[in-house]
Amino acid sequence: MKVLMNGLCHTRLRIASLIVLACMGMWGCGVDDGWGEREFRAYDVAKVVGFVDDSLVILADSREWMQETPDYAIGGHGHQRIRVFNYRVQEDGPRWTDTLDNFVDECDYVLGQLSDSVVWGGQTSLYTKVWGGPIMTFWKIGEKPIVKNISVETEGCSQKFAIKNMRTWIDGLIWASGIVFSGQRTNELLNAGDDTCQYAVLDTVAGILTFKRLDEKLKWIQKCDDVRAWDDDVYCFVSGERPFEAVLLRNGIDTIDVPIKFTIGEFWGDVLRPNANLCALTDGNVVCSGAIWRGGLSFYENDEIVVNLE
C-alpha cells in the first residue's frame, strides 16, 4: 500500500547554491513549482534497519530523483520504502512492503529501530542522519507512520547532543542516546562531565524529550556498549577486559549467560546481537538462533549463506 505523507518536514536541496523548499499542504512534500515533473529512478541499495521476532528483518531504501528547472537540475531522494523479509529461509519476495510519497533530506522516516515492529525518524539536522527536531515519526509495520511534534527540555544539564539511537525504557518511556560532532560515541557521552547531558528520555504521550544526567541509580550504565529495558529491568552489554569476554548485565548486578563468546553486543528491537549472532531473550535466558548477520544483505548459518536479499 502507498501512503501520502505530510508537509510538516522541510526538504533542502543541494545545487550550485542551497535552495530551501517548504513542504506545503496537509499531505505530500513538494508542490507544482512550474519546473517540470520530478523523475524518479530505481531504488538505491537497501539497508537493514531492524529485526522482528526471530526470523524477520526490516530493510529500508529510497529512490533518487531529478527535476529539470529553466536554468539547472535539482535532485534528491524520496519515496522511502520499508520491506520485511524472512532471514532464515530464502523466499521469493518480502512478507510486507510500504512506500511513502515523500522527499527525503531533512525529513527521514527511517532513522532507526525503536521496538520490535516500529522504526522511528523525523526531521534531521542538515546533511546528517541524526534527529534535529522538532518533528518525530513512528512507523509501525502494517500501519501508517505517526507524525508528532516533540518539545525539548533539559533537566540538570545544558549541553545537548544529537539523537542517533532510541531504545525501549522503563516506565513506558523511550531511551535516547546520540553523538556530538566532535566524534564522541554513546559510551563517551555517558561519561561526559560538567553540564553535558548524558542521555535523554522521550515521553511519547506528552511529546516531550528530556535531556538528563545520570543519577546514582543509573551510573552503572556508563560502561555499557548498548542499553535498553524490558519491563522494569535494564539490560546492558558490557565489554570485557580482553577479547571475547563481554557480558550481558541486568540491573548492573546480574550476569545473564550468553551461549557464545563475544566482544561487543547491541540491541535491535527485541533481538540481541552479540558479535554477529542473532539471539532472543526468552524467560530471562539468551537463546541464539544460529543465524549470523555480518552486515550487508546476506545471512549465514554454519558459515554458509542461506538468505541473500541483494
C-alpha atoms as a PDB file:
ATOM      1  CA  MET A   1       0.000   0.000   0.000  1.00  0.00           C
ATOM      2  CA  LYS A   2       1.093   3.568  -0.611  1.00  0.00           C
ATOM      3  CA  VAL A   3       0.860   6.313   1.968  1.00  0.00           C
ATOM      4  CA  LEU A   4       0.840  10.045   1.193  1.00  0.00           C
ATOM      5  CA  MET A   5       2.853  11.750   3.913  1.00  0.00           C
ATOM      6  CA  ASN A   6       2.513  15.327   5.073  1.00  0.00           C
ATOM      7  CA  GLY A   7       4.475  18.542   4.848  1.00  0.00           C
ATOM      8  CA  LEU A   8       5.464  19.066   8.464  1.00  0.00           C
ATOM      9  CA  CYS A   9       9.041  18.495   7.377  1.00  0.00           C
ATOM     10  CA  HIS A  10      11.147  20.578   5.016  1.00  0.00           C
ATOM     11  CA  THR A  11      13.225  19.454   2.056  1.00  0.00           C
ATOM     12  CA  ARG A  12      16.601  21.060   1.441  1.00  0.00           C
ATOM     13  CA  LEU A  13      18.219  20.505  -1.898  1.00  0.00           C
ATOM     14  CA  ARG A  14      21.842  20.963  -2.828  1.00  0.00           C
ATOM     15  CA  ILE A  15      22.533  22.651  -6.199  1.00  0.00           C
ATOM     16  CA  ALA A  16      25.031  25.380  -7.094  1.00  0.00           C
ATOM     17  CA  SER A  17      23.711  27.130  -4.015  1.00  0.00           C
ATOM     18  CA  LEU A  18      21.360  25.913  -1.282  1.00  0.00           C
ATOM     19  CA  ILE A  19      17.669  26.039  -2.105  1.00  0.00           C
ATOM     20  CA  VAL A  20      15.117  25.579   0.618  1.00  0.00           C
ATOM     21  CA  LEU A  21      11.718  24.307  -0.476  1.00  0.00           C
ATOM     22  CA  ALA A  22       8.984  24.403   2.130  1.00  0.00           C
ATOM     23  CA  CYS A  23       6.735  21.374   2.181  1.00  0.00           C
ATOM     24  CA  MET A  24       3.195  22.646   1.921  1.00  0.00           C
ATOM     25  CA  GLY A  25      -0.275  21.264   2.306  1.00  0.00           C
ATOM     26  CA  MET A  26      -1.596  18.627   4.642  1.00  0.00           C
ATOM     27  CA  TRP A  27      -0.131  15.664   2.764  1.00  0.00           C
ATOM     28  CA  GLY A  28       2.806  15.243   0.378  1.00  0.00           C
ATOM     29  CA  CYS A  29       6.106  17.098   0.485  1.00  0.00           C
ATOM     30  CA  GLY A  30       6.571  19.224  -2.646  1.00  0.00           C
ATOM     31  CA  VAL A  31       4.263  21.291  -4.839  1.00  0.00           C
ATOM     32  CA  ASP A  32       3.879  22.050  -8.538  1.00  0.00           C
ATOM     33  CA  ASP A  33       6.537  24.710  -9.000  1.00  0.00           C
ATOM     34  CA  GLY A  34       6.426  25.003 -12.797  1.00  0.00           C
ATOM     35  CA  TRP A  35       9.801  23.326 -13.194  1.00  0.00           C
ATOM     36  CA  GLY A  36       8.546  20.078 -14.661  1.00  0.00           C
ATOM     37  CA  GLU A  37       7.875  16.745 -13.067  1.00  0.00           C
ATOM     38  CA  ARG A  38      10.314  15.005 -10.778  1.00  0.00           C
ATOM     39  CA  GLU A  39      11.803  11.963 -12.446  1.00  0.00           C
ATOM     40  CA  PHE A  40      12.309   9.069 -10.049  1.00  0.00           C
ATOM     41  CA  ARG A  41      14.968   6.483 -10.702  1.00  0.00           C
ATOM     42  CA  ALA A  42      15.433   2.954  -9.397  1.00  0.00           C
ATOM     43  CA  TYR A  43      15.641   2.242  -5.684  1.00  0.00           C
ATOM     44  CA  ASP A  44      19.095   2.563  -4.174  1.00  0.00           C
ATOM     45  CA  VAL A  45      20.837  -0.156  -2.184  1.00  0.00           C
ATOM     46  CA  ALA A  46      18.714  -1.199   0.788  1.00  0.00           C
ATOM     47  CA  LYS A  47      19.994  -1.278   4.358  1.00  0.00           C
ATOM     48  CA  VAL A  48      18.979  -3.312   7.383  1.00  0.00           C
ATOM     49  CA  VAL A  49      17.192  -1.112   9.927  1.00  0.00           C
ATOM     50  CA  GLY A  50      15.753  -3.674  12.322  1.00  0.00           C
ATOM     51  CA  PHE A  51      14.565  -7.159  13.183  1.00  0.00           C
ATOM     52  CA  VAL A  52      11.119  -8.502  14.021  1.00  0.00           C
ATOM     53  CA  ASP A  53      10.894 -11.585  16.288  1.00  0.00           C
ATOM     54  CA  ASP A  54      13.310 -14.412  15.473  1.00  0.00           C
ATOM     55  CA  SER A  55      13.014 -14.666  11.705  1.00  0.00           C
ATOM     56  CA  LEU A  56      12.148 -11.338  10.057  1.00  0.00           C
ATOM     57  CA  VAL A  57      14.346  -8.417   9.054  1.00  0.00           C
ATOM     58  CA  ILE A  58      13.336  -4.856   8.107  1.00  0.00           C
ATOM     59  CA  LEU A  59      15.011  -3.275   5.071  1.00  0.00           C
ATOM     60  CA  ALA A  60      14.782   0.393   4.086  1.00  0.00           C
ATOM     61  CA  ASP A  61      15.615   2.191   0.863  1.00  0.00           C
ATOM     62  CA  SER A  62      14.555   5.174  -1.260  1.00  0.00           C
ATOM     63  CA  ARG A  63      14.638   6.385  -4.866  1.00  0.00           C
ATOM     64  CA  GLU A  64      16.865   9.079  -6.304  1.00  0.00           C
ATOM     65  CA  TRP A  65      15.027  11.799  -8.198  1.00  0.00           C
ATOM     66  CA  MET A  66      15.937  14.595 -10.584  1.00  0.00           C
ATOM     67  CA  GLN A  67      13.976  17.640 -11.715  1.00  0.00           C
ATOM     68  CA  GLU A  68      14.746  19.990 -14.567  1.00  0.00           C
ATOM     69  CA  THR A  69      14.355  23.718 -13.952  1.00  0.00           C
ATOM     70  CA  PRO A  70      14.610  26.517 -16.509  1.00  0.00           C
ATOM     71  CA  ASP A  71      18.296  27.010 -15.633  1.00  0.00           C
ATOM     72  CA  TYR A  72      19.570  23.871 -13.920  1.00  0.00           C
ATOM     73  CA  ALA A  73      18.640  20.470 -12.487  1.00  0.00           C
ATOM     74  CA  ILE A  74      17.988  19.668  -8.861  1.00  0.00           C
ATOM     75  CA  GLY A  75      17.818  16.296  -7.177  1.00  0.00           C
ATOM     76  CA  GLY A  76      17.477  14.303  -4.017  1.00  0.00           C
ATOM     77  CA  HIS A  77      15.946  11.126  -2.619  1.00  0.00           C
ATOM     78  CA  GLY A  78      12.377  10.199  -1.856  1.00  0.00           C
ATOM     79  CA  HIS A  79       9.649   7.573  -1.932  1.00  0.00           C
ATOM     80  CA  GLN A  80      11.066   5.931   1.180  1.00  0.00           C
ATOM     81  CA  ARG A  81      10.212   2.266   1.458  1.00  0.00           C
ATOM     82  CA  ILE A  82      10.427  -0.401   4.123  1.00  0.00           C
ATOM     83  CA  ARG A  83      10.117  -4.114   3.443  1.00  0.00           C
ATOM     84  CA  VAL A  84      10.007  -7.113   5.751  1.00  0.00           C
ATOM     85  CA  PHE A  85      11.796 -10.333   4.704  1.00  0.00           C
ATOM     86  CA  ASN A  86      12.398 -13.745   6.233  1.00  0.00           C
ATOM     87  CA  TYR A  87      16.115 -14.023   7.022  1.00  0.00           C
ATOM     88  CA  ARG A  88      16.012 -17.731   7.936  1.00  0.00           C
ATOM     89  CA  VAL A  89      14.632 -19.043   4.624  1.00  0.00           C
ATOM     90  CA  GLN A  90      15.129 -17.665   1.105  1.00  0.00           C
ATOM     91  CA  GLU A  91      11.723 -16.612  -0.202  1.00  0.00           C
ATOM     92  CA  ASP A  92      10.526 -15.077  -3.464  1.00  0.00           C
ATOM     93  CA  GLY A  93       9.923 -11.617  -2.021  1.00  0.00           C
ATOM     94  CA  PRO A  94       9.042  -9.569   1.049  1.00  0.00           C
ATOM     95  CA  ARG A  95       6.371 -10.529   3.542  1.00  0.00           C
ATOM     96  CA  TRP A  96       5.233  -6.892   3.649  1.00  0.00           C
ATOM     97  CA  THR A  97       6.104  -3.614   1.961  1.00  0.00           C
ATOM     98  CA  ASP A  98       5.028   0.012   2.097  1.00  0.00           C
ATOM     99  CA  THR A  99       6.183   3.111   0.221  1.00  0.00           C
ATOM    100  CA  LEU A 100       5.785   6.774   1.126  1.00  0.00           C
ATOM    101  CA  ASP A 101       5.193   9.614  -1.292  1.00  0.00           C
ATOM    102  CA  ASN A 102       7.784  11.898   0.254  1.00  0.00           C
ATOM    103  CA  PHE A 103      11.069  13.659  -0.490  1.00  0.00           C
ATOM    104  CA  VAL A 104      13.922  12.908   1.869  1.00  0.00           C
ATOM    105  CA  ASP A 105      16.552  15.293   3.072  1.00  0.00           C
ATOM    106  CA  GLU A 106      15.668  16.978   6.308  1.00  0.00           C
ATOM    107  CA  CYS A 107      12.711  14.652   6.846  1.00  0.00           C
ATOM    108  CA  ASP A 108      13.713  10.998   7.176  1.00  0.00           C
ATOM    109  CA  TYR A 109      11.106   8.462   8.305  1.00  0.00           C
ATOM    110  CA  VAL A 110      13.655   5.685   8.868  1.00  0.00           C
ATOM    111  CA  LEU A 111      16.457   6.711  11.218  1.00  0.00           C
ATOM    112  CA  GLY A 112      16.488   3.513  13.253  1.00  0.00           C
ATOM    113  CA  GLN A 113      14.548   0.811  15.054  1.00  0.00           C
ATOM    114  CA  LEU A 114      12.630   1.681  18.196  1.00  0.00           C
ATOM    115  CA  SER A 115      10.945  -1.574  19.159  1.00  0.00           C
ATOM    116  CA  ASP A 116      10.134  -4.981  17.714  1.00  0.00           C
ATOM    117  CA  SER A 117       7.874  -3.625  14.947  1.00  0.00           C
ATOM    118  CA  VAL A 118       8.436   0.160  14.963  1.00  0.00           C
ATOM    119  CA  VAL A 119      11.034   2.296  13.195  1.00  0.00           C
ATOM    120  CA  TRP A 120      11.496   5.927  14.155  1.00  0.00           C
ATOM    121  CA  GLY A 121      12.532   9.005  12.219  1.00  0.00           C
ATOM    122  CA  GLY A 122      11.835  12.681  11.832  1.00  0.00           C
ATOM    123  CA  GLN A 123      13.332  15.999  10.935  1.00  0.00           C
ATOM    124  CA  THR A 124      17.098  15.689  10.754  1.00  0.00           C
ATOM    125  CA  SER A 125      19.920  18.174  11.080  1.00  0.00           C
ATOM    126  CA  LEU A 126      21.148  19.389   7.705  1.00  0.00           C
ATOM    127  CA  TYR A 127      23.372  16.847   5.879  1.00  0.00           C
ATOM    128  CA  THR A 128      23.270  14.382   8.790  1.00  0.00           C
ATOM    129  CA  LYS A 129      21.429  11.191   9.694  1.00  0.00           C
ATOM    130  CA  VAL A 130      20.611  12.283  13.235  1.00  0.00           C
ATOM    131  CA  TRP A 131      17.435  13.788  14.606  1.00  0.00           C
ATOM    132  CA  GLY A 132      17.347  17.578  14.775  1.00  0.00           C
ATOM    133  CA  GLY A 133      13.694  18.086  15.745  1.00  0.00           C
ATOM    134  CA  PRO A 134      11.038  19.111  16.371  1.00  0.00           C
ATOM    135  CA  ILE A 135       9.179  16.595  14.159  1.00  0.00           C
ATOM    136  CA  MET A 136       9.462  12.903  15.070  1.00  0.00           C
ATOM    137  CA  THR A 137       7.834   9.961  13.273  1.00  0.00           C
ATOM    138  CA  PHE A 138       6.916   6.428  14.318  1.00  0.00           C
ATOM    139  CA  TRP A 139       6.231   3.875  11.592  1.00  0.00           C
ATOM    140  CA  LYS A 140       4.802   0.551  12.734  1.00  0.00           C
ATOM    141  CA  ILE A 141       4.853  -2.439  10.429  1.00  0.00           C
ATOM    142  CA  GLY A 142       1.412  -2.751   8.848  1.00  0.00           C
ATOM    143  CA  GLU A 143       0.321   0.779   9.735  1.00  0.00           C
ATOM    144  CA  LYS A 144       0.767   4.358   8.549  1.00  0.00           C
ATOM    145  CA  PRO A 145       3.514   6.477  10.140  1.00  0.00           C
ATOM    146  CA  ILE A 146       2.533   8.677  13.069  1.00  0.00           C
ATOM    147  CA  VAL A 147       3.939  12.217  12.979  1.00  0.00           C
ATOM    148  CA  LYS A 148       4.405  14.088  16.275  1.00  0.00           C
ATOM    149  CA  ASN A 149       5.703  17.478  17.307  1.00  0.00           C
ATOM    150  CA  ILE A 150       8.276  16.990  20.058  1.00  0.00           C
ATOM    151  CA  SER A 151       9.294  19.639  22.553  1.00  0.00           C
ATOM    152  CA  VAL A 152      12.706  19.519  24.212  1.00  0.00           C
ATOM    153  CA  GLU A 153      13.563  20.112  27.857  1.00  0.00           C
ATOM    154  CA  THR A 154      16.710  19.766  29.950  1.00  0.00           C
ATOM    155  CA  GLU A 155      16.997  18.513  33.499  1.00  0.00           C
ATOM    156  CA  GLY A 156      20.235  19.145  35.367  1.00  0.00           C
ATOM    157  CA  CYS A 157      22.294  19.765  32.217  1.00  0.00           C
ATOM    158  CA  SER A 158      22.516  22.214  29.338  1.00  0.00           C
ATOM    159  CA  GLN A 159      24.826  20.825  26.641  1.00  0.00           C
ATOM    160  CA  LYS A 160      22.522  18.675  24.493  1.00  0.00           C
ATOM    161  CA  PHE A 161      23.566  16.184  21.825  1.00  0.00           C
ATOM    162  CA  ALA A 162      22.188  14.888  18.512  1.00  0.00           C
ATOM    163  CA  ILE A 163      19.837  11.903  18.863  1.00  0.00           C
ATOM    164  CA  LYS A 164      21.038   8.845  16.954  1.00  0.00           C
ATOM    165  CA  ASN A 165      19.595   5.794  18.738  1.00  0.00           C
ATOM    166  CA  MET A 166      16.387   5.002  20.597  1.00  0.00           C
ATOM    167  CA  ARG A 167      15.554   2.026  22.806  1.00  0.00           C
ATOM    168  CA  THR A 168      12.592   0.943  24.919  1.00  0.00           C
ATOM    169  CA  TRP A 169      12.977   2.111  28.521  1.00  0.00           C
ATOM    170  CA  ILE A 170      11.379   1.804  31.946  1.00  0.00           C
ATOM    171  CA  ASP A 171       8.036   3.388  32.933  1.00  0.00           C
ATOM    172  CA  GLY A 172       6.818   3.303  29.332  1.00  0.00           C
ATOM    173  CA  LEU A 173       9.446   5.844  28.259  1.00  0.00           C
ATOM    174  CA  ILE A 174      11.992   5.687  25.436  1.00  0.00           C
ATOM    175  CA  TRP A 175      15.741   5.890  25.992  1.00  0.00           C
ATOM    176  CA  ALA A 176      17.613   8.163  23.589  1.00  0.00           C
ATOM    177  CA  SER A 177      21.362   8.281  23.085  1.00  0.00           C
ATOM    178  CA  GLY A 178      23.413  10.037  20.487  1.00  0.00           C
ATOM    179  CA  ILE A 179      26.584  11.683  19.321  1.00  0.00           C
ATOM    180  CA  VAL A 180      28.276  15.023  19.379  1.00  0.00           C
ATOM    181  CA  PHE A 181      30.011  16.091  16.225  1.00  0.00           C
ATOM    182  CA  SER A 182      33.446  16.041  17.805  1.00  0.00           C
ATOM    183  CA  GLY A 183      33.211  12.277  17.329  1.00  0.00           C
ATOM    184  CA  GLN A 184      32.137  11.129  20.779  1.00  0.00           C
ATOM    185  CA  ARG A 185      30.310   7.816  20.867  1.00  0.00           C
ATOM    186  CA  THR A 186      27.413   6.844  23.117  1.00  0.00           C
ATOM    187  CA  ASN A 187      29.533   5.464  25.962  1.00  0.00           C
ATOM    188  CA  GLU A 188      31.730   8.558  25.840  1.00  0.00           C
ATOM    189  CA  LEU A 189      28.643  10.730  26.260  1.00  0.00           C
ATOM    190  CA  LEU A 190      27.551   8.618  29.222  1.00  0.00           C
ATOM    191  CA  ASN A 191      30.866   9.518  30.864  1.00  0.00           C
ATOM    192  CA  ALA A 192      30.782  13.196  29.897  1.00  0.00           C
ATOM    193  CA  GLY A 193      31.377  15.654  32.708  1.00  0.00           C
ATOM    194  CA  ASP A 194      30.467  19.243  33.539  1.00  0.00           C
ATOM    195  CA  ASP A 195      26.959  20.169  32.375  1.00  0.00           C
ATOM    196  CA  THR A 196      26.905  17.926  29.291  1.00  0.00           C
ATOM    197  CA  CYS A 197      23.686  15.942  29.002  1.00  0.00           C
ATOM    198  CA  GLN A 198      24.466  12.233  29.061  1.00  0.00           C
ATOM    199  CA  TYR A 199      21.204  10.718  27.833  1.00  0.00           C
ATOM    200  CA  ALA A 200      17.576  11.623  27.155  1.00  0.00           C
ATOM    201  CA  VAL A 201      14.150  10.089  27.674  1.00  0.00           C
ATOM    202  CA  LEU A 202      11.149  10.553  25.429  1.00  0.00           C
ATOM    203  CA  ASP A 203       7.599  10.624  26.740  1.00  0.00           C
ATOM    204  CA  THR A 204       5.597   9.924  23.583  1.00  0.00           C
ATOM    205  CA  VAL A 205       2.265  10.657  25.269  1.00  0.00           C
ATOM    206  CA  ALA A 206       3.323  14.127  26.408  1.00  0.00           C
ATOM    207  CA  GLY A 207       5.538  14.631  23.338  1.00  0.00           C
ATOM    208  CA  ILE A 208       8.499  15.751  25.478  1.00  0.00           C
ATOM    209  CA  LEU A 209      12.147  14.750  25.056  1.00  0.00           C
ATOM    210  CA  THR A 210      14.079  15.456  28.255  1.00  0.00           C
ATOM    211  CA  PHE A 211      17.884  15.583  28.268  1.00  0.00           C
ATOM    212  CA  LYS A 212      19.425  14.448  31.564  1.00  0.00           C
ATOM    213  CA  ARG A 213      22.493  13.445  33.505  1.00  0.00           C
ATOM    214  CA  LEU A 214      22.719  10.022  35.101  1.00  0.00           C
ATOM    215  CA  ASP A 215      21.662   9.762  38.739  1.00  0.00           C
ATOM    216  CA  GLU A 216      23.331   7.415  41.221  1.00  0.00           C
ATOM    217  CA  LYS A 217      20.994   4.533  40.352  1.00  0.00           C
ATOM    218  CA  LEU A 218      21.959   4.658  36.678  1.00  0.00           C
ATOM    219  CA  LYS A 219      25.672   5.448  36.819  1.00  0.00           C
ATOM    220  CA  TRP A 220      26.463   1.766  36.342  1.00  0.00           C
ATOM    221  CA  ILE A 221      25.418   2.006  32.674  1.00  0.00           C
ATOM    222  CA  GLN A 222      28.362   4.305  31.926  1.00  0.00           C
ATOM    223  CA  LYS A 223      30.318   1.191  30.953  1.00  0.00           C
ATOM    224  CA  CYS A 224      27.647  -0.095  28.542  1.00  0.00           C
ATOM    225  CA  ASP A 225      28.105  -0.564  24.796  1.00  0.00           C
ATOM    226  CA  ASP A 226      24.320  -0.602  24.410  1.00  0.00           C
ATOM    227  CA  VAL A 227      21.411  -0.460  26.840  1.00  0.00           C
ATOM    228  CA  ARG A 228      17.640  -1.000  26.886  1.00  0.00           C
ATOM    229  CA  ALA A 229      14.863  -2.103  29.233  1.00  0.00           C
ATOM    230  CA  TRP A 230      12.401  -4.950  29.308  1.00  0.00           C
ATOM    231  CA  ASP A 231       9.601  -4.097  31.727  1.00  0.00           C
ATOM    232  CA  ASP A 232      11.337  -2.713  34.826  1.00  0.00           C
ATOM    233  CA  ASP A 233      14.705  -4.374  34.176  1.00  0.00           C
ATOM    234  CA  VAL A 234      17.594  -2.594  32.464  1.00  0.00           C
ATOM    235  CA  TYR A 235      19.910  -4.707  30.294  1.00  0.00           C
ATOM    236  CA  CYS A 236      23.377  -3.708  29.190  1.00  0.00           C
ATOM    237  CA  PHE A 237      26.122  -5.164  27.016  1.00  0.00           C
ATOM    238  CA  VAL A 238      29.492  -4.584  28.689  1.00  0.00           C
ATOM    239  CA  SER A 239      32.894  -5.128  27.086  1.00  0.00           C
ATOM    240  CA  GLY A 240      35.368  -7.337  28.900  1.00  0.00           C
ATOM    241  CA  GLU A 241      38.980  -6.571  29.606  1.00  0.00           C
ATOM    242  CA  ARG A 242      40.072  -8.979  26.867  1.00  0.00           C
ATOM    243  CA  PRO A 243      38.507 -10.011  23.524  1.00  0.00           C
ATOM    244  CA  PHE A 244      35.512 -12.335  23.757  1.00  0.00           C
ATOM    245  CA  GLU A 245      34.917 -11.527  27.416  1.00  0.00           C
ATOM    246  CA  ALA A 246      31.929  -9.211  27.004  1.00  0.00           C
ATOM    247  CA  VAL A 247      28.869  -9.897  29.152  1.00  0.00           C
ATOM    248  CA  LEU A 248      25.178  -9.067  29.359  1.00  0.00           C
ATOM    249  CA  LEU A 249      24.155  -7.392  32.626  1.00  0.00           C
ATOM    250  CA  ARG A 250      20.717  -6.921  34.173  1.00  0.00           C
ATOM    251  CA  ASN A 251      20.239  -4.004  36.559  1.00  0.00           C
ATOM    252  CA  GLY A 252      24.004  -3.699  36.960  1.00  0.00           C
ATOM    253  CA  ILE A 253      24.204  -6.792  39.146  1.00  0.00           C
ATOM    254  CA  ASP A 254      23.022  -9.972  37.456  1.00  0.00           C
ATOM    255  CA  THR A 255      25.110 -11.525  34.703  1.00  0.00           C
ATOM    256  CA  ILE A 256      22.925 -13.158  32.064  1.00  0.00           C
ATOM    257  CA  ASP A 257      24.566 -16.127  30.387  1.00  0.00           C
ATOM    258  CA  VAL A 258      25.107 -15.773  26.625  1.00  0.00           C
ATOM    259  CA  PRO A 259      25.756 -19.151  24.955  1.00  0.00           C
ATOM    260  CA  ILE A 260      28.547 -17.742  22.771  1.00  0.00           C
ATOM    261  CA  LYS A 261      31.678 -15.745  23.465  1.00  0.00           C
ATOM    262  CA  PHE A 262      31.581 -12.222  22.076  1.00  0.00           C
ATOM    263  CA  THR A 263      33.450  -8.911  22.038  1.00  0.00           C
ATOM    264  CA  ILE A 264      30.646  -6.372  21.661  1.00  0.00           C
ATOM    265  CA  GLY A 265      26.862  -6.516  21.780  1.00  0.00           C
ATOM    266  CA  GLU A 266      23.921  -4.399  20.648  1.00  0.00           C
ATOM    267  CA  PHE A 267      20.129  -4.429  20.664  1.00  0.00           C
ATOM    268  CA  TRP A 268      17.951  -4.403  17.530  1.00  0.00           C
ATOM    269  CA  GLY A 269      14.369  -4.196  18.725  1.00  0.00           C
ATOM    270  CA  ASP A 270      13.852  -7.392  20.716  1.00  0.00           C
ATOM    271  CA  VAL A 271      16.814  -9.066  19.011  1.00  0.00           C
ATOM    272  CA  LEU A 272      20.180  -9.227  20.769  1.00  0.00           C
ATOM    273  CA  ARG A 273      23.253  -9.179  18.559  1.00  0.00           C
ATOM    274  CA  PRO A 274      26.412 -10.346  20.356  1.00  0.00           C
ATOM    275  CA  ASN A 275      29.049 -10.004  17.665  1.00  0.00           C
ATOM    276  CA  ALA A 276      27.174 -11.096  14.507  1.00  0.00           C
ATOM    277  CA  ASN A 277      24.849 -13.622  16.162  1.00  0.00           C
ATOM    278  CA  LEU A 278      21.088 -13.052  16.239  1.00  0.00           C
ATOM    279  CA  CYS A 279      19.621 -14.052  19.597  1.00  0.00           C
ATOM    280  CA  ALA A 280      16.498 -13.585  21.721  1.00  0.00           C
ATOM    281  CA  LEU A 281      15.824 -13.094  25.426  1.00  0.00           C
ATOM    282  CA  THR A 282      13.292 -15.753  26.422  1.00  0.00           C
ATOM    283  CA  ASP A 283      12.162 -16.189  30.032  1.00  0.00           C
ATOM    284  CA  GLY A 284      15.322 -14.484  31.229  1.00  0.00           C
ATOM    285  CA  ASN A 285      17.618 -16.660  29.092  1.00  0.00           C
ATOM    286  CA  VAL A 286      19.511 -15.744  25.928  1.00  0.00           C
ATOM    287  CA  VAL A 287      18.767 -18.157  23.088  1.00  0.00           C
ATOM    288  CA  CYS A 288      20.741 -17.805  19.843  1.00  0.00           C
ATOM    289  CA  SER A 289      19.142 -18.854  16.584  1.00  0.00           C
ATOM    290  CA  GLY A 290      22.243 -19.963  14.728  1.00  0.00           C
ATOM    291  CA  ALA A 291      21.691 -17.176  12.196  1.00  0.00           C
ATOM    292  CA  ILE A 292      24.606 -14.815  11.569  1.00  0.00           C
ATOM    293  CA  TRP A 293      24.387 -11.278  10.192  1.00  0.00           C
ATOM    294  CA  ARG A 294      27.735  -9.668   9.413  1.00  0.00           C
ATOM    295  CA  GLY A 295      26.259  -6.517   7.916  1.00  0.00           C
ATOM    296  CA  GLY A 296      25.134  -6.115   4.341  1.00  0.00           C
ATOM    297  CA  LEU A 297      22.203  -8.112   2.987  1.00  0.00           C
ATOM    298  CA  SER A 298      23.389 -11.704   3.445  1.00  0.00           C
ATOM    299  CA  PHE A 299      22.519 -14.036   6.329  1.00  0.00           C
ATOM    300  CA  TYR A 300      24.552 -17.085   7.269  1.00  0.00           C
ATOM    301  CA  GLU A 301      24.172 -20.383   9.108  1.00  0.00           C
ATOM    302  CA  ASN A 302      27.068 -22.785   9.595  1.00  0.00           C
ATOM    303  CA  ASP A 303      29.254 -20.344   7.643  1.00  0.00           C
ATOM    304  CA  GLU A 304      27.100 -20.650   4.520  1.00  0.00           C
ATOM    305  CA  ILE A 305      24.788 -18.025   3.015  1.00  0.00           C
ATOM    306  CA  VAL A 306      21.184 -19.137   3.498  1.00  0.00           C
ATOM    307  CA  VAL A 307      19.467 -15.861   2.542  1.00  0.00           C
ATOM    308  CA  ASN A 308      20.690 -13.144   0.179  1.00  0.00           C
ATOM    309  CA  LEU A 309      18.478 -10.066  -0.095  1.00  0.00           C
ATOM    310  CA  GLU A 310      20.563  -8.114  -2.633  1.00  0.00           C
END
